[in-house]
Amino acid sequence: MILNAGILVTMNDDRDCLAEVHIVTEDGEIAAVNDGFAANPDVDASDEVVMPGLVNCHTHMYALPLRGAPLSVAPESFYEALVDIWWRVDETFTKEDARLSALGSCVEMLEGGVTTFCDNYSGLNTLPGVLDSVAAGVAATPINGLITFEQTARNSESEAMAGLEENKRFIDGDEDGYDAVSGHYCLHTLFTNTREVVMETTAAAREDDRPVQLHLEEGLVDVHRAIEEYGSRPVPALAEMGLFDADVIAAHCVHSTERELEVLAEHDVAVAHNPYSNTNNAVGIADVETMQDRGMQIGLGDDGWAPDMFEVMRTCVGVHKLKQRNPSGFDAETALEWATVGSAGVLGLEDTIGSLEPGKDADMLTLDLGPNPVRPGSAPYYIVDAATSGDITRTIVGGDTVYRRGEGVVGVTDDQLAAVGEAAERLWNRL
């Protein structure tokens, strides 16, 4: 494929933004980025901005059918939201709900320019075998994804171990049947698990060379329960259990102290930052400034709530400026980095995705940003300040155009999308 780009936002090491270039792809990878427009390109984005595909490093696709649900609850804390909403929902899920919510979410992500994601599914009553349902939903679309079952011992340790077995089963076997879907491990939180579950999960992750993702200090309940149970805050407690001997992706870290962040940095723990979700759940603002000072790998996720990653980037910029009460206190380009090459690094995929340069996968999107001129020096800021998923004209995965504005996602029918909505309504009725 040959693509002409009016402005190319590469997100390479030098963060180059180039004008009037063309990209050459071969076998799904970028072979060259050349000056000037090519004659008769396969994709003509000569009047548009071209940027890397977005990478959503922390999501919950099973949240999709909850949107619009007529729930008569009004949680006043993060823990109440878990008990009154999320744990009710995941205990009501069926395997078909898991498949269809994955399908609908993947369509939505591709329409929003996300080409790779990392998902955490929770549904205790769908074990065993539910990851096959999630994978089937993902595989019905042309997206790349990491999936896992979110292990929890909130009811019993045996249920957490069943979740661990589900992850191991998929990784050791059924994953081989999918080209673009892979598995990893996930602990819901420390406070919803036990020492034994943490240690067994760490051993499995190390054996299979897969990351472990967990929600870390998203709410204060995680901190308080750790002190009650282990006599220390979550990070030192998890360190003592050996979790950080595995590759760890810590989602949120809203209440992590500077000393805890130092420990995470010493163990090369990556952070999935979810600013939109943290705002929505009113849990607080993560100390990304200290994370940056410690050289930690940071990416952006939507946590299942914000279907437009451009809104996630804008929220990221806004909350960190507001925190400092400084309109210049956070650089918009940093948010773009975290949503692309940063999230790729969180997932351990920085060698293949996240930037547009030779040798990387040809995952990208094209944007029509309207009548104002777009210049190389300001393009990243224009994207973060003004773009929405509605400005995306194409999403390209592995050199193939898989979404065109007004035409939908390749291979997904209207009947399939209708089934997603029908399943949501049935879920509402059960709730």
Protein backbone atom coordinates (compact mmCIF):
# COMPACT_ATOMS: atom_id res chain seq x y z
CA MET A 1 0.00 0.00 0.00
CA ILE A 2 1.10 3.55 -0.74
CA LEU A 3 -0.45 6.38 1.28
CA ASN A 4 -0.02 10.11 0.73
CA ALA A 5 -0.02 12.17 3.93
CA GLY A 6 -0.51 15.92 4.06
CA ILE A 7 0.87 15.94 7.60
CA LEU A 8 2.45 12.85 9.13
CA VAL A 9 2.68 12.75 12.93
CA THR A 10 5.25 9.96 13.37
CA MET A 11 5.66 9.74 17.17
CA ASN A 12 9.16 8.40 16.50
CA ASP A 13 11.99 9.04 18.96
CA ASP A 14 12.47 12.55 17.56
CA ARG A 15 8.69 13.16 17.46
CA ASP A 16 9.00 14.24 13.83
CA CYS A 17 5.99 15.80 12.13
CA LEU A 18 6.43 15.78 8.36
CA ALA A 19 4.61 17.59 5.55
CA GLU A 20 3.77 16.16 2.12
CA VAL A 21 5.20 12.66 2.38
CA HIS A 22 4.13 9.18 1.35
CA ILE A 23 4.27 5.92 3.28
CA VAL A 24 5.08 2.61 1.61
CA THR A 25 3.94 -0.58 3.34
CA GLU A 26 4.82 -4.19 2.60
CA ASP A 27 3.40 -7.27 4.29
CA GLY A 28 1.63 -5.17 6.89
CA GLU A 29 4.70 -3.18 7.93
CA ILE A 30 5.99 0.26 7.04
CA ALA A 31 8.79 -0.17 4.51
CA ALA A 32 9.59 3.51 3.90
CA VAL A 33 8.53 7.08 4.57
CA ASN A 34 9.50 9.21 1.58
CA ASP A 35 9.37 12.93 0.82
CA GLY A 36 6.77 14.16 -1.64
CA PHE A 37 3.46 12.75 -2.77
CA ALA A 38 3.35 9.54 -4.79
CA ALA A 39 1.44 9.37 -8.05
CA ASN A 40 -1.70 7.22 -7.91
CA PRO A 41 -1.55 6.28 -4.20
CA ASP A 42 -3.78 3.56 -2.79
CA VAL A 43 -4.85 5.98 -0.05
CA ASP A 44 -4.88 9.70 -0.70
CA ALA A 45 -4.73 11.61 2.58
CA SER A 46 -2.85 14.52 1.02
CA ASP A 47 -5.30 16.96 2.62
CA GLU A 48 -5.38 15.16 5.96
CA VAL A 49 -3.35 14.39 9.07
CA VAL A 50 -1.99 10.86 9.43
CA MET A 51 -1.02 9.55 12.87
CA PRO A 52 -0.31 6.21 14.56
CA GLY A 53 -3.20 4.02 15.56
CA LEU A 54 -4.24 4.71 19.14
CA VAL A 55 -3.38 2.11 21.78
CA ASN A 56 -5.87 1.68 24.62
CA CYS A 57 -3.80 0.00 27.33
CA HIS A 58 -6.61 -0.55 29.85
CA THR A 59 -10.25 -1.15 29.05
CA HIS A 60 -13.25 -3.24 30.09
CA MET A 61 -15.28 -4.20 27.04
CA TYR A 62 -17.97 -5.72 29.23
CA ALA A 63 -18.87 -2.17 30.28
CA LEU A 64 -20.43 -1.47 26.87
CA PRO A 65 -23.94 -2.84 27.61
CA LEU A 66 -24.07 -0.93 30.89
CA ARG A 67 -24.30 2.40 29.04
CA GLY A 68 -27.79 3.75 29.33
CA ALA A 69 -28.91 1.05 31.76
CA PRO A 70 -31.80 2.27 33.94
CA LEU A 71 -30.14 1.58 37.28
CA SER A 72 -31.64 3.20 40.39
CA VAL A 73 -28.40 3.56 42.32
CA ALA A 74 -26.37 6.60 43.34
CA PRO A 75 -23.01 5.50 44.73
CA GLU A 76 -21.16 8.07 46.80
CA SER A 77 -17.82 6.27 46.86
CA PHE A 78 -15.71 4.12 44.59
CA TYR A 79 -16.37 1.04 46.71
CA GLU A 80 -20.13 1.61 46.54
CA ALA A 81 -19.84 1.84 42.75
CA LEU A 82 -18.13 -1.55 42.72
CA VAL A 83 -20.71 -3.19 44.97
CA ASP A 84 -23.87 -1.52 43.65
CA ILE A 85 -23.03 -1.52 39.94
CA TRP A 86 -20.04 -3.45 38.67
CA TRP A 87 -20.29 -6.58 40.79
CA ARG A 88 -24.01 -6.84 40.07
CA VAL A 89 -23.34 -6.52 36.35
CA ASP A 90 -20.52 -9.03 36.08
CA GLU A 91 -22.44 -11.66 38.07
CA THR A 92 -25.33 -11.27 35.59
CA PHE A 93 -23.20 -11.68 32.46
CA THR A 94 -23.51 -14.67 30.12
CA LYS A 95 -20.95 -15.97 27.65
CA GLU A 96 -23.02 -14.51 24.83
CA ASP A 97 -22.94 -11.13 26.59
CA ALA A 98 -19.15 -11.46 26.75
CA ARG A 99 -18.91 -12.18 23.03
CA LEU A 100 -21.26 -9.42 21.94
CA SER A 101 -19.87 -6.76 24.26
CA ALA A 102 -16.41 -7.55 22.87
CA LEU A 103 -17.67 -7.34 19.31
CA GLY A 104 -19.45 -4.03 19.89
CA SER A 105 -16.52 -2.53 21.76
CA CYS A 106 -14.02 -3.52 19.08
CA VAL A 107 -16.17 -1.90 16.41
CA GLU A 108 -16.36 1.24 18.50
CA MET A 109 -12.61 1.26 19.10
CA LEU A 110 -11.82 0.89 15.40
CA GLU A 111 -14.24 3.69 14.59
CA GLY A 112 -12.36 5.75 17.18
CA GLY A 113 -8.91 5.02 15.77
CA VAL A 114 -7.83 2.39 18.31
CA THR A 115 -5.89 -0.38 16.58
CA THR A 116 -4.62 -2.26 19.67
CA PHE A 117 -6.20 -2.65 23.11
CA CYS A 118 -5.75 -4.46 26.42
CA ASP A 119 -8.98 -5.71 27.98
CA ASN A 120 -9.90 -7.04 31.42
CA TYR A 121 -13.10 -9.11 31.52
CA SER A 122 -15.01 -9.94 34.68
CA GLY A 123 -17.91 -12.38 34.88
CA LEU A 124 -17.64 -15.03 37.58
CA ASN A 125 -20.63 -17.04 36.41
CA THR A 126 -19.25 -17.49 32.90
CA LEU A 127 -16.28 -19.65 33.94
CA PRO A 128 -14.83 -21.78 32.50
CA GLY A 129 -14.40 -21.06 28.79
CA VAL A 130 -15.51 -17.44 28.63
CA LEU A 131 -12.24 -16.15 27.17
CA ASP A 132 -13.10 -18.12 24.03
CA SER A 133 -16.29 -16.07 23.83
CA VAL A 134 -14.41 -12.80 24.32
CA ALA A 135 -11.82 -13.84 21.73
CA ALA A 136 -14.54 -14.74 19.25
CA GLY A 137 -16.07 -11.29 19.60
CA VAL A 138 -12.69 -9.63 19.09
CA ALA A 139 -11.79 -11.85 16.14
CA ALA A 140 -14.99 -10.86 14.34
CA THR A 141 -13.30 -7.50 13.78
CA PRO A 142 -9.87 -6.60 12.31
CA ILE A 143 -8.32 -5.29 15.54
CA ASN A 144 -5.40 -6.44 17.71
CA GLY A 145 -6.14 -7.21 21.35
CA LEU A 146 -4.85 -8.57 24.63
CA ILE A 147 -7.55 -10.18 26.75
CA THR A 148 -7.72 -11.63 30.26
CA PHE A 149 -10.10 -12.76 32.98
CA GLU A 150 -10.01 -10.44 35.98
CA GLN A 151 -9.29 -12.72 38.93
CA THR A 152 -11.15 -11.92 42.14
CA ALA A 153 -11.56 -13.63 45.50
CA ARG A 154 -14.24 -11.24 46.69
CA ASN A 155 -16.57 -14.22 47.24
CA SER A 156 -14.02 -17.00 47.70
CA GLU A 157 -10.41 -17.83 46.96
CA SER A 158 -11.56 -20.73 44.81
CA GLU A 159 -13.26 -18.34 42.40
CA ALA A 160 -10.01 -16.40 42.00
CA MET A 161 -8.16 -19.62 41.30
CA ALA A 162 -10.80 -20.53 38.72
CA GLY A 163 -10.06 -17.21 37.02
CA LEU A 164 -6.36 -17.99 37.11
CA GLU A 165 -7.01 -21.37 35.50
CA GLU A 166 -9.10 -19.68 32.81
CA ASN A 167 -6.24 -17.36 31.92
CA LYS A 168 -3.73 -20.19 31.91
CA ARG A 169 -6.00 -22.41 29.81
CA PHE A 170 -6.42 -19.73 27.15
CA ILE A 171 -2.73 -18.79 27.08
CA ASP A 172 -1.52 -22.38 26.92
CA GLY A 173 -4.00 -23.53 24.31
CA ASP A 174 -6.90 -21.72 22.71
CA GLU A 175 -4.92 -18.52 22.07
CA ASP A 176 -3.14 -20.39 19.25
CA GLY A 177 -6.33 -20.28 17.22
CA TYR A 178 -6.24 -16.48 16.90
CA ASP A 179 -3.84 -14.36 14.88
CA ALA A 180 -4.55 -11.05 16.58
CA VAL A 181 -5.70 -12.01 20.08
CA SER A 182 -3.41 -12.96 22.96
CA GLY A 183 -3.87 -13.55 26.67
CA HIS A 184 -2.31 -12.20 29.83
CA TYR A 185 -3.01 -12.35 33.57
CA CYS A 186 -5.02 -9.98 35.74
CA LEU A 187 -5.66 -9.51 39.44
CA HIS A 188 -8.68 -7.31 40.08
CA THR A 189 -7.09 -5.62 43.11
CA LEU A 190 -5.07 -6.61 46.15
CA PHE A 191 -8.05 -6.09 48.44
CA THR A 192 -10.21 -8.52 46.43
CA ASN A 193 -7.53 -11.22 46.37
CA THR A 194 -5.36 -13.19 48.77
CA ARG A 195 -1.65 -13.70 49.22
CA GLU A 196 -1.95 -17.19 47.73
CA VAL A 197 -3.72 -15.90 44.62
CA VAL A 198 -1.12 -13.19 44.10
CA MET A 199 1.75 -15.63 44.44
CA GLU A 200 0.19 -18.27 42.18
CA THR A 201 -0.59 -15.65 39.55
CA THR A 202 2.95 -14.31 39.67
CA ALA A 203 4.35 -17.80 39.16
CA ALA A 204 2.05 -18.45 36.19
CA ALA A 205 2.85 -15.12 34.57
CA ARG A 206 6.58 -15.68 34.90
CA GLU A 207 6.29 -19.21 33.54
CA ASP A 208 4.31 -18.03 30.51
CA ASP A 209 6.26 -14.77 30.12
CA ARG A 210 3.07 -12.70 30.18
CA PRO A 211 2.27 -9.47 32.02
CA VAL A 212 0.03 -9.23 35.07
CA GLN A 213 -2.36 -6.31 35.15
CA LEU A 214 -4.09 -5.11 38.31
CA HIS A 215 -6.02 -2.12 39.58
CA LEU A 216 -3.64 -0.56 42.06
CA GLU A 217 -4.78 2.03 44.61
CA GLU A 218 -7.60 3.26 42.41
CA GLY A 219 -9.68 3.87 45.51
CA LEU A 220 -8.71 4.35 49.14
CA VAL A 221 -10.40 1.07 50.01
CA ASP A 222 -7.38 -0.67 48.46
CA VAL A 223 -5.05 1.21 50.80
CA HIS A 224 -7.13 0.75 53.95
CA ARG A 225 -7.70 -2.97 53.42
CA ALA A 226 -3.98 -3.58 52.78
CA ILE A 227 -3.03 -1.86 56.02
CA GLU A 228 -5.63 -3.88 57.92
CA GLU A 229 -4.64 -7.20 56.35
CA TYR A 230 -0.90 -6.89 55.81
CA GLY A 231 0.21 -3.99 58.02
CA SER A 232 1.42 -1.93 55.07
CA ARG A 233 0.21 -0.08 52.01
CA PRO A 234 -0.48 -2.10 48.83
CA VAL A 235 2.84 -1.57 47.04
CA PRO A 236 5.11 -2.86 49.81
CA ALA A 237 2.63 -5.66 50.52
CA LEU A 238 2.70 -6.76 46.87
CA ALA A 239 6.47 -6.42 46.76
CA GLU A 240 6.76 -8.74 49.74
CA MET A 241 4.53 -11.26 47.93
CA GLY A 242 6.87 -11.17 44.93
CA LEU A 243 4.40 -9.76 42.40
CA PHE A 244 6.95 -7.36 40.94
CA ASP A 245 9.17 -10.27 39.92
CA ALA A 246 6.71 -10.53 37.00
CA ASP A 247 6.08 -7.88 34.34
CA VAL A 248 3.36 -5.75 35.92
CA ILE A 249 0.93 -3.23 34.45
CA ALA A 250 -0.53 -1.14 37.28
CA ALA A 251 -3.77 0.58 36.38
CA HIS A 252 -4.64 3.90 38.06
CA CYS A 253 -2.15 4.32 40.97
CA VAL A 254 -4.27 7.28 42.10
CA HIS A 255 -3.37 7.00 45.78
CA SER A 256 0.21 5.77 45.43
CA THR A 257 2.69 7.73 47.54
CA GLU A 258 6.01 9.03 46.25
CA ARG A 259 7.81 6.20 48.07
CA GLU A 260 5.48 3.63 46.52
CA LEU A 261 6.09 5.09 43.07
CA GLU A 262 9.82 4.79 43.72
CA VAL A 263 9.34 1.10 44.45
CA LEU A 264 7.25 0.65 41.28
CA ALA A 265 9.89 2.45 39.24
CA GLU A 266 12.66 0.30 40.71
CA HIS A 267 10.75 -2.77 39.48
CA ASP A 268 9.97 -1.30 36.03
CA VAL A 269 6.24 -1.43 36.67
CA ALA A 270 4.31 0.23 33.83
CA VAL A 271 1.29 2.44 34.54
CA ALA A 272 -2.02 2.48 32.69
CA HIS A 273 -3.33 5.97 33.42
CA ASN A 274 -7.11 6.40 33.21
CA PRO A 275 -7.84 10.10 33.74
CA TYR A 276 -11.38 10.11 32.37
CA SER A 277 -12.44 7.18 34.55
CA ASN A 278 -10.71 8.63 37.60
CA THR A 279 -12.67 11.84 37.10
CA ASN A 280 -15.92 9.96 36.53
CA ASN A 281 -15.44 7.87 39.67
CA ALA A 282 -14.19 10.89 41.63
CA VAL A 283 -11.27 8.91 43.03
CA GLY A 284 -8.61 11.59 42.54
CA ILE A 285 -5.72 12.53 40.26
CA ALA A 286 -2.71 10.26 39.80
CA ASP A 287 0.72 11.71 40.50
CA VAL A 288 2.01 11.40 36.94
CA GLU A 289 4.57 14.11 37.59
CA THR A 290 6.44 11.88 40.02
CA MET A 291 6.02 8.93 37.65
CA GLN A 292 7.65 11.00 34.91
CA ASP A 293 10.46 12.07 37.20
CA ARG A 294 11.13 8.41 38.01
CA GLY A 295 11.20 7.50 34.31
CA MET A 296 8.17 5.20 34.52
CA GLN A 297 6.45 3.89 31.40
CA ILE A 298 2.98 5.49 31.15
CA GLY A 299 0.11 4.84 28.78
CA LEU A 300 -3.55 5.82 28.53
CA GLY A 301 -6.66 3.72 28.94
CA ASP A 302 -10.37 4.43 28.88
CA ASP A 303 -11.26 1.92 31.65
CA GLY A 304 -14.33 0.98 29.62
CA TRP A 305 -16.10 4.30 30.12
CA ALA A 306 -14.82 6.74 27.48
CA PRO A 307 -15.31 5.40 23.95
CA ASP A 308 -13.41 8.34 22.42
CA MET A 309 -9.69 8.23 23.23
CA PHE A 310 -9.38 11.83 22.10
CA GLU A 311 -11.59 12.72 25.06
CA VAL A 312 -9.29 10.67 27.29
CA MET A 313 -6.31 12.66 26.03
CA ARG A 314 -8.11 15.96 26.57
CA THR A 315 -9.16 14.94 30.06
CA CYS A 316 -5.56 14.00 30.80
CA VAL A 317 -4.35 17.45 29.79
CA GLY A 318 -7.14 19.23 31.62
CA VAL A 319 -6.94 17.49 34.99
CA HIS A 320 -3.18 17.83 35.24
CA LYS A 321 -3.26 21.51 34.32
CA LEU A 322 -6.03 22.04 36.85
CA LYS A 323 -4.12 20.15 39.51
CA GLN A 324 -1.26 22.60 39.12
CA ARG A 325 -3.53 25.58 38.45
CA ASN A 326 -1.23 26.33 35.56
CA PRO A 327 -2.50 26.56 31.94
CA SER A 328 0.99 25.57 30.81
CA GLY A 329 1.39 22.88 33.45
CA PHE A 330 0.97 19.88 31.16
CA ASP A 331 2.03 19.40 27.54
CA ALA A 332 -0.66 18.15 25.16
CA GLU A 333 1.96 16.29 23.14
CA THR A 334 2.64 14.14 26.22
CA ALA A 335 -0.97 12.95 26.20
CA LEU A 336 -0.59 12.01 22.54
CA GLU A 337 2.62 10.14 23.35
CA TRP A 338 0.88 8.21 26.13
CA ALA A 339 -2.01 7.26 23.83
CA THR A 340 0.31 5.88 21.16
CA VAL A 341 3.94 4.92 21.75
CA GLY A 342 3.54 5.16 25.54
CA SER A 343 0.69 2.66 25.68
CA ALA A 344 2.60 0.45 23.26
CA GLY A 345 5.46 0.43 25.77
CA VAL A 346 3.10 -0.40 28.64
CA LEU A 347 2.01 -3.49 26.71
CA GLY A 348 5.56 -4.42 25.76
CA LEU A 349 4.82 -3.76 22.09
CA GLU A 350 6.95 -0.65 21.52
CA ASP A 351 9.01 -2.45 18.86
CA THR A 352 5.99 -3.07 16.66
CA ILE A 353 3.34 -0.40 17.22
CA GLY A 354 2.83 3.14 18.53
CA SER A 355 4.77 5.12 15.92
CA LEU A 356 4.95 5.41 12.14
CA GLU A 357 8.44 4.53 10.98
CA PRO A 358 10.09 1.76 8.94
CA GLY A 359 9.86 -1.64 10.59
CA LYS A 360 6.72 -0.86 12.59
CA ASP A 361 3.28 -2.29 11.86
CA ALA A 362 1.29 -0.19 9.42
CA ASP A 363 -1.39 0.75 11.98
CA MET A 364 -2.59 4.32 11.49
CA LEU A 365 -5.54 6.61 11.14
CA THR A 366 -6.34 9.59 8.94
CA LEU A 367 -7.98 12.75 10.24
CA ASP A 368 -9.89 15.56 8.59
CA LEU A 369 -9.48 18.38 11.09
CA GLY A 370 -11.58 20.94 9.22
CA PRO A 371 -10.84 24.18 7.39
CA ASN A 372 -8.00 25.53 9.54
CA PRO A 373 -4.51 24.86 8.18
CA VAL A 374 -2.51 22.18 9.99
CA ARG A 375 1.20 22.80 10.35
CA PRO A 376 3.85 20.26 11.40
CA GLY A 377 4.92 22.20 14.48
CA SER A 378 1.44 22.42 15.96
CA ALA A 379 -0.18 19.23 14.63
CA PRO A 380 0.08 17.22 17.89
CA TYR A 381 -1.51 20.04 19.87
CA TYR A 382 -4.25 20.49 17.27
CA ILE A 383 -5.04 16.78 17.48
CA VAL A 384 -5.28 16.70 21.27
CA ASP A 385 -7.06 20.05 21.59
CA ALA A 386 -9.64 19.61 18.87
CA ALA A 387 -9.91 16.16 17.28
CA THR A 388 -12.70 13.69 17.98
CA SER A 389 -13.42 10.20 16.72
CA GLY A 390 -15.85 11.81 14.28
CA ASP A 391 -12.89 13.40 12.47
CA ILE A 392 -11.43 10.00 11.58
CA THR A 393 -11.81 9.25 7.90
CA ARG A 394 -10.02 5.88 7.93
CA THR A 395 -8.54 3.40 10.37
CA ILE A 396 -5.79 1.22 8.90
CA VAL A 397 -4.52 -1.99 10.53
CA GLY A 398 -1.55 -3.83 9.06
CA GLY A 399 -1.74 -1.75 5.91
CA ASP A 400 -5.41 -2.57 5.29
CA THR A 401 -8.17 0.01 5.55
CA VAL A 402 -10.58 -1.57 8.03
CA TYR A 403 -12.85 1.41 8.70
CA ARG A 404 -14.03 4.26 6.50
CA ARG A 405 -16.19 7.07 7.78
CA GLY A 406 -19.76 6.45 6.68
CA GLU A 407 -19.09 2.84 5.71
CA GLY A 408 -18.45 1.11 9.02
CA VAL A 409 -15.97 -1.57 10.03
CA VAL A 410 -15.02 -4.17 7.45
CA GLY A 411 -16.70 -7.54 8.02
CA VAL A 412 -19.24 -6.38 10.62
CA THR A 413 -22.91 -6.39 9.60
CA ASP A 414 -25.85 -4.33 10.79
CA ASP A 415 -27.43 -7.50 12.14
CA GLN A 416 -24.40 -8.15 14.34
CA LEU A 417 -24.55 -4.63 15.76
CA ALA A 418 -28.29 -4.98 16.35
CA ALA A 419 -27.59 -8.14 18.35
CA VAL A 420 -25.21 -6.16 20.58
CA GLY A 421 -28.02 -3.76 21.49
CA GLU A 422 -30.55 -6.53 22.01
CA ALA A 423 -28.21 -8.31 24.40
CA ALA A 424 -27.77 -5.09 26.38
CA GLU A 425 -31.52 -4.74 26.80
CA ARG A 426 -31.82 -8.32 28.01
CA LEU A 427 -29.03 -7.61 30.53
CA TRP A 428 -30.91 -4.55 31.78
CA ASN A 429 -34.01 -6.65 32.33
CA ARG A 430 -32.04 -9.17 34.39
CA LEU A 431 -30.57 -6.38 36.50
